[in-house]
Amino acid sequence: MQNSSAPTTAHDPTLVLLTVEEAARRLSVGRTTCFALIGAGALESLMVGGLRRVPADAPAAYLARRRAEQRAA
């Protein structure tokens, strides 16, 4: 049984890099949509070895940009 006081991976503040799946969960979108955002350059990511990772602050930065765009429209 998992300790309920332990942070879930999706919200663990100690993580510096997220998997694409974890970033997608933080944005409440699917994995495919998250990869599309990365491919379009809208969501920052980098390769670590052969693994695609998203900086932990990138989902919040993406959301902040989108909100600013919406307000400006």
N, C-alpha and C. Protein backbone atom coordinates (compact mmCIF):
# COMPACT_ATOMS: atom_id res chain seq x y z
N MET A 1 0.84 -1.18 0.00
CA MET A 1 0.00 0.00 0.00
C MET A 1 0.88 1.24 0.00
N GLN A 2 0.51 2.22 -0.85
CA GLN A 2 1.30 3.43 -0.98
C GLN A 2 0.99 4.40 0.15
N ASN A 3 2.01 5.06 0.65
CA ASN A 3 1.85 6.05 1.70
C ASN A 3 1.12 7.25 1.12
N SER A 4 -0.04 7.60 1.66
CA SER A 4 -0.84 8.69 1.11
C SER A 4 -0.21 10.05 1.33
N SER A 5 0.75 10.17 2.25
CA SER A 5 1.40 11.45 2.47
C SER A 5 2.57 11.68 1.52
N ALA A 6 3.00 10.63 0.80
CA ALA A 6 4.08 10.77 -0.17
C ALA A 6 3.55 11.50 -1.40
N PRO A 7 4.34 12.45 -1.96
CA PRO A 7 3.86 13.17 -3.13
C PRO A 7 3.75 12.25 -4.33
N THR A 8 2.74 12.48 -5.16
CA THR A 8 2.63 11.71 -6.39
C THR A 8 3.67 12.24 -7.37
N THR A 9 4.06 11.44 -8.31
CA THR A 9 5.08 11.84 -9.27
C THR A 9 4.66 13.10 -10.01
N ALA A 10 3.39 13.21 -10.35
CA ALA A 10 2.91 14.36 -11.12
C ALA A 10 3.03 15.66 -10.34
N HIS A 11 3.04 15.61 -9.02
CA HIS A 11 3.09 16.84 -8.22
C HIS A 11 4.28 16.88 -7.28
N ASP A 12 5.27 16.06 -7.50
CA ASP A 12 6.44 16.01 -6.63
C ASP A 12 7.29 17.26 -6.87
N PRO A 13 7.37 18.17 -5.89
CA PRO A 13 8.11 19.42 -6.09
C PRO A 13 9.62 19.24 -6.16
N THR A 14 10.11 18.04 -5.84
CA THR A 14 11.55 17.82 -5.88
C THR A 14 12.05 17.45 -7.28
N LEU A 15 11.15 17.13 -8.19
CA LEU A 15 11.55 16.75 -9.54
C LEU A 15 12.03 17.98 -10.31
N VAL A 16 13.13 17.83 -11.02
CA VAL A 16 13.66 18.90 -11.86
C VAL A 16 13.21 18.70 -13.30
N LEU A 17 13.14 17.44 -13.70
CA LEU A 17 12.70 17.09 -15.05
C LEU A 17 11.53 16.13 -14.96
N LEU A 18 10.60 16.28 -15.89
CA LEU A 18 9.42 15.42 -15.95
C LEU A 18 9.46 14.59 -17.22
N THR A 19 8.83 13.43 -17.17
CA THR A 19 8.60 12.69 -18.41
C THR A 19 7.50 13.43 -19.17
N VAL A 20 7.34 13.11 -20.42
CA VAL A 20 6.28 13.73 -21.21
C VAL A 20 4.92 13.39 -20.60
N GLU A 21 4.78 12.18 -20.11
CA GLU A 21 3.51 11.76 -19.50
C GLU A 21 3.21 12.58 -18.24
N GLU A 22 4.23 12.83 -17.42
CA GLU A 22 4.04 13.63 -16.21
C GLU A 22 3.69 15.07 -16.56
N ALA A 23 4.35 15.62 -17.57
CA ALA A 23 4.03 16.98 -18.02
C ALA A 23 2.60 17.04 -18.56
N ALA A 24 2.20 16.02 -19.30
CA ALA A 24 0.84 15.97 -19.83
C ALA A 24 -0.18 15.95 -18.70
N ARG A 25 0.10 15.17 -17.65
CA ARG A 25 -0.81 15.13 -16.49
C ARG A 25 -0.92 16.49 -15.84
N ARG A 26 0.20 17.19 -15.71
CA ARG A 26 0.16 18.53 -15.09
C ARG A 26 -0.66 19.51 -15.92
N LEU A 27 -0.68 19.32 -17.23
CA LEU A 27 -1.44 20.18 -18.11
C LEU A 27 -2.86 19.66 -18.37
N SER A 28 -3.16 18.49 -17.85
CA SER A 28 -4.47 17.84 -18.07
C SER A 28 -4.75 17.64 -19.55
N VAL A 29 -3.72 17.20 -20.26
CA VAL A 29 -3.86 16.85 -21.68
C VAL A 29 -3.31 15.45 -21.87
N GLY A 30 -3.53 14.90 -23.03
CA GLY A 30 -3.02 13.58 -23.33
C GLY A 30 -1.56 13.62 -23.76
N ARG A 31 -0.96 12.46 -23.79
CA ARG A 31 0.44 12.31 -24.17
C ARG A 31 0.67 12.80 -25.60
N THR A 32 -0.22 12.49 -26.51
CA THR A 32 -0.10 12.91 -27.90
C THR A 32 -0.14 14.43 -28.02
N THR A 33 -1.06 15.06 -27.30
CA THR A 33 -1.16 16.51 -27.31
C THR A 33 0.10 17.13 -26.74
N CYS A 34 0.63 16.54 -25.69
CA CYS A 34 1.86 17.05 -25.08
C CYS A 34 3.02 16.95 -26.08
N PHE A 35 3.14 15.84 -26.79
CA PHE A 35 4.18 15.71 -27.80
C PHE A 35 3.97 16.74 -28.92
N ALA A 36 2.72 17.03 -29.28
CA ALA A 36 2.44 18.04 -30.30
C ALA A 36 2.88 19.43 -29.83
N LEU A 37 2.64 19.75 -28.56
CA LEU A 37 3.08 21.04 -28.00
C LEU A 37 4.60 21.14 -28.03
N ILE A 38 5.26 20.04 -27.71
CA ILE A 38 6.73 20.00 -27.74
C ILE A 38 7.21 20.19 -29.19
N GLY A 39 6.61 19.46 -30.10
CA GLY A 39 7.00 19.54 -31.51
C GLY A 39 6.80 20.93 -32.10
N ALA A 40 5.77 21.63 -31.63
CA ALA A 40 5.49 22.98 -32.11
C ALA A 40 6.36 24.03 -31.44
N GLY A 41 7.13 23.61 -30.44
CA GLY A 41 7.96 24.56 -29.72
C GLY A 41 7.23 25.34 -28.64
N ALA A 42 5.99 24.96 -28.36
CA ALA A 42 5.20 25.66 -27.36
C ALA A 42 5.55 25.22 -25.93
N LEU A 43 6.02 24.00 -25.80
CA LEU A 43 6.39 23.46 -24.50
C LEU A 43 7.86 23.05 -24.55
N GLU A 44 8.65 23.64 -23.67
CA GLU A 44 10.09 23.37 -23.64
C GLU A 44 10.37 21.92 -23.27
N SER A 45 11.34 21.35 -23.94
CA SER A 45 11.80 20.00 -23.60
C SER A 45 13.24 19.86 -24.02
N LEU A 46 13.87 18.80 -23.55
CA LEU A 46 15.24 18.52 -23.93
C LEU A 46 15.47 17.03 -23.90
N MET A 47 16.54 16.63 -24.56
CA MET A 47 16.91 15.22 -24.58
C MET A 47 17.97 14.99 -23.51
N VAL A 48 17.77 13.96 -22.72
CA VAL A 48 18.76 13.52 -21.74
C VAL A 48 19.10 12.09 -22.15
N GLY A 49 20.28 11.93 -22.73
CA GLY A 49 20.58 10.65 -23.35
C GLY A 49 19.61 10.46 -24.49
N GLY A 50 18.89 9.38 -24.50
CA GLY A 50 17.87 9.14 -25.52
C GLY A 50 16.47 9.42 -25.02
N LEU A 51 16.34 10.10 -23.88
CA LEU A 51 15.03 10.32 -23.26
C LEU A 51 14.58 11.76 -23.39
N ARG A 52 13.34 11.97 -23.77
CA ARG A 52 12.76 13.31 -23.85
C ARG A 52 12.28 13.69 -22.46
N ARG A 53 12.71 14.84 -21.97
CA ARG A 53 12.30 15.33 -20.65
C ARG A 53 11.83 16.77 -20.75
N VAL A 54 10.92 17.14 -19.86
CA VAL A 54 10.35 18.48 -19.81
C VAL A 54 10.77 19.10 -18.48
N PRO A 55 11.41 20.28 -18.50
CA PRO A 55 11.75 20.93 -17.24
C PRO A 55 10.49 21.12 -16.38
N ALA A 56 10.62 20.93 -15.09
CA ALA A 56 9.46 20.96 -14.20
C ALA A 56 8.70 22.27 -14.24
N ASP A 57 9.39 23.38 -14.55
CA ASP A 57 8.71 24.67 -14.60
C ASP A 57 8.10 24.98 -15.97
N ALA A 58 8.36 24.15 -16.97
CA ALA A 58 7.88 24.40 -18.33
C ALA A 58 6.36 24.35 -18.47
N PRO A 59 5.64 23.39 -17.83
CA PRO A 59 4.18 23.41 -17.96
C PRO A 59 3.56 24.71 -17.42
N ALA A 60 4.06 25.21 -16.29
CA ALA A 60 3.53 26.46 -15.73
C ALA A 60 3.87 27.64 -16.64
N ALA A 61 5.07 27.64 -17.23
CA ALA A 61 5.46 28.71 -18.15
C ALA A 61 4.57 28.70 -19.40
N TYR A 62 4.29 27.51 -19.91
CA TYR A 62 3.39 27.38 -21.07
C TYR A 62 2.02 27.94 -20.72
N LEU A 63 1.50 27.56 -19.57
CA LEU A 63 0.18 28.04 -19.16
C LEU A 63 0.18 29.56 -19.01
N ALA A 64 1.21 30.13 -18.42
CA ALA A 64 1.29 31.58 -18.25
C ALA A 64 1.28 32.30 -19.60
N ARG A 65 2.03 31.76 -20.58
CA ARG A 65 2.04 32.36 -21.92
C ARG A 65 0.66 32.28 -22.56
N ARG A 66 0.02 31.13 -22.44
CA ARG A 66 -1.33 30.96 -23.03
C ARG A 66 -2.33 31.92 -22.41
N ARG A 67 -2.26 32.08 -21.09
CA ARG A 67 -3.18 33.00 -20.41
C ARG A 67 -2.95 34.43 -20.87
N ALA A 68 -1.67 34.82 -21.01
CA ALA A 68 -1.35 36.17 -21.48
C ALA A 68 -1.87 36.38 -22.91
N GLU A 69 -1.71 35.36 -23.75
CA GLU A 69 -2.22 35.45 -25.13
C GLU A 69 -3.73 35.61 -25.13
N GLN A 70 -4.42 34.86 -24.28
CA GLN A 70 -5.88 34.94 -24.21
C GLN A 70 -6.35 36.32 -23.75
N ARG A 71 -5.63 36.88 -22.75
CA ARG A 71 -5.99 38.21 -22.26
C ARG A 71 -5.76 39.28 -23.32
N ALA A 72 -4.71 39.11 -24.11
CA ALA A 72 -4.36 40.09 -25.13
C ALA A 72 -5.31 40.05 -26.34
N ALA A 73 -5.96 38.93 -26.52
CA ALA A 73 -6.85 38.75 -27.69
C ALA A 73 -8.16 39.49 -27.53
